[in-house]
Amino acid sequence: AEAKAVAAEAGTAAAEDWAAAAEDKAVVAEAGAAAAEDRAVAAENKAVVAEARAAAAEDRAAAAEAKAVAAEAGTAAAEDWAAAAEDKAVVAEAGAAAAEDRAVAAENKAVVAEARAAAAEDRAAAAE
């Protein structure tokens, strides 16, 4: 009977040790699960940050493209303005040349008129 009691006590102690070990394993498993969850959340946060960075880079690229288009349009407008100014200068030069030609023609007419007047005067003197 005593031997049985000792064996029963030893069995109880072993069962208690086993239960304690099982409890420790459960605590470790729970800690592992919590750590895995934390890692998953961190990975998700990294993905969100990476996505935000990619979107910002895309926005910067679009802004740079818009600036390039605006600069190109500005250059084209300046080129058009320069061409128009050149055309105006050509027209003004042509106008000045025409005015000069008219002045020369008027001067020639005046010389002719003067010569005619002198001839008429000579004829009148001869007639007298």
Protein backbone atom coordinates (compact mmCIF):
# COMPACT_ATOMS: atom_id res chain seq x y z
CA ALA A 1 0.00 0.00 0.00
CA GLU A 2 2.86 2.35 0.84
CA ALA A 3 4.55 1.52 -2.43
CA LYS A 4 1.32 2.30 -4.26
CA ALA A 5 1.01 5.61 -2.42
CA VAL A 6 4.62 6.53 -3.34
CA ALA A 7 3.98 5.55 -6.98
CA ALA A 8 0.74 7.57 -7.03
CA GLU A 9 2.59 10.59 -5.57
CA ALA A 10 5.35 10.23 -8.16
CA GLY A 11 2.69 9.97 -10.91
CA THR A 12 0.94 13.07 -9.62
CA ALA A 13 4.25 14.99 -9.52
CA ALA A 14 5.04 13.88 -13.07
CA ALA A 15 1.57 14.93 -14.26
CA GLU A 16 2.03 18.31 -12.57
CA ASP A 17 5.43 18.77 -14.27
CA TRP A 18 3.90 17.83 -17.60
CA ALA A 19 1.03 20.31 -17.10
CA ALA A 20 3.52 23.07 -16.18
CA ALA A 21 5.61 22.28 -19.30
CA ALA A 22 2.48 22.36 -21.47
CA GLU A 23 1.55 25.74 -19.96
CA ASP A 24 5.05 27.09 -20.72
CA LYS A 25 4.77 25.85 -24.30
CA ALA A 26 1.39 27.61 -24.65
CA VAL A 27 2.89 30.89 -23.33
CA VAL A 28 5.82 30.59 -25.80
CA ALA A 29 3.42 29.81 -28.68
CA GLU A 30 1.26 32.82 -27.76
CA ALA A 31 4.34 35.09 -27.65
CA GLY A 32 5.40 33.71 -31.05
CA ALA A 33 1.96 34.40 -32.51
CA ALA A 34 2.01 37.98 -31.14
CA ALA A 35 5.47 38.55 -32.64
CA ALA A 36 4.32 37.19 -36.02
CA GLU A 37 1.31 39.53 -35.88
CA ASP A 38 3.62 42.49 -35.11
CA ARG A 39 5.85 41.55 -38.05
CA ALA A 40 2.81 41.35 -40.36
CA VAL A 41 1.62 44.82 -39.24
CA ALA A 42 5.14 46.25 -39.76
CA ALA A 43 5.30 44.73 -43.26
CA GLU A 44 1.89 46.21 -44.07
CA ASN A 45 3.02 49.65 -42.85
CA LYS A 46 6.17 49.41 -44.99
CA ALA A 47 4.01 48.57 -48.02
CA VAL A 48 1.78 51.61 -47.35
CA VAL A 49 4.85 53.88 -47.03
CA ALA A 50 6.36 52.46 -50.24
CA GLU A 51 3.07 53.05 -52.07
CA ALA A 52 2.91 56.65 -50.80
CA ARG A 53 6.51 57.23 -51.91
CA ALA A 54 5.77 55.80 -55.36
CA ALA A 55 2.70 58.07 -55.68
CA ALA A 56 4.78 61.11 -54.64
CA ALA A 57 7.47 60.22 -57.20
CA GLU A 58 4.77 59.89 -59.87
CA ASP A 59 3.36 63.30 -58.92
CA ARG A 60 6.84 64.86 -59.12
CA ALA A 61 7.38 63.29 -62.55
CA ALA A 62 4.01 64.64 -63.77
CA ALA A 63 4.87 68.13 -62.45
CA ALA A 64 8.25 68.03 -64.21
CA GLU A 65 6.53 66.97 -67.45
CA ALA A 66 4.01 69.83 -67.11
CA LYS A 67 6.89 72.30 -66.59
CA ALA A 68 8.65 70.95 -69.68
CA VAL A 69 5.47 71.34 -71.76
CA ALA A 70 4.99 74.91 -70.46
CA ALA A 71 8.62 75.77 -71.23
CA GLU A 72 8.24 74.35 -74.74
CA ALA A 73 5.06 76.39 -75.27
CA GLY A 74 6.85 79.51 -73.96
CA THR A 75 9.75 78.95 -76.35
CA ALA A 76 7.37 78.46 -79.27
CA ALA A 77 5.49 81.67 -78.37
CA ALA A 78 8.77 83.64 -78.11
CA GLU A 79 9.83 82.23 -81.48
CA ASP A 80 6.49 83.29 -83.02
CA TRP A 81 6.84 86.77 -81.51
CA ALA A 82 10.39 87.12 -82.88
CA ALA A 83 9.21 86.03 -86.35
CA ALA A 84 6.33 88.55 -86.23
CA ALA A 85 8.72 91.33 -85.17
CA GLU A 86 11.03 90.40 -88.06
CA ASP A 87 8.07 90.53 -90.48
CA LYS A 88 7.09 93.97 -89.15
CA ALA A 89 10.68 95.20 -89.61
CA VAL A 90 10.68 93.97 -93.23
CA VAL A 91 7.33 95.72 -93.88
CA ALA A 92 8.60 98.95 -92.25
CA GLU A 93 11.78 98.80 -94.35
CA ALA A 94 9.72 98.31 -97.53
CA GLY A 95 7.48 101.24 -96.51
CA ALA A 96 10.53 103.47 -95.93
CA ALA A 97 11.96 102.52 -99.35
CA ALA A 98 8.59 103.30 -101.02
CA ALA A 99 8.43 106.69 -99.25
CA GLU A 100 11.98 107.44 -100.44
CA ASP A 101 10.98 106.51 -104.01
CA ARG A 102 7.94 108.82 -103.78
CA ALA A 103 10.12 111.68 -102.49
CA VAL A 104 12.56 111.22 -105.40
CA ALA A 105 9.65 111.16 -107.89
CA ALA A 106 8.20 114.36 -106.36
CA GLU A 107 11.62 116.01 -106.58
CA ASN A 108 11.90 114.98 -110.24
CA LYS A 109 8.42 116.40 -110.96
CA ALA A 110 9.44 119.67 -109.33
CA VAL A 111 12.57 119.85 -111.52
CA VAL A 112 10.47 119.17 -114.64
CA ALA A 113 7.87 121.75 -113.61
CA GLU A 114 10.62 124.32 -113.01
CA ALA A 115 12.14 123.60 -116.43
CA ARG A 116 8.70 123.97 -118.07
CA ALA A 117 8.13 127.26 -116.29
CA ALA A 118 11.53 128.54 -117.47
CA ALA A 119 10.75 127.45 -121.05
CA ALA A 120 7.36 129.17 -120.92
CA GLU A 121 9.07 132.29 -119.62
CA ASP A 122 11.59 132.13 -122.47
CA ARG A 123 8.77 131.74 -125.00
CA ALA A 124 6.91 134.67 -123.55
CA ALA A 125 10.05 136.82 -123.71
CA ALA A 126 10.62 135.74 -127.32
CA ALA A 127 7.01 136.53 -128.21
CA GLU A 128 7.41 139.96 -126.61
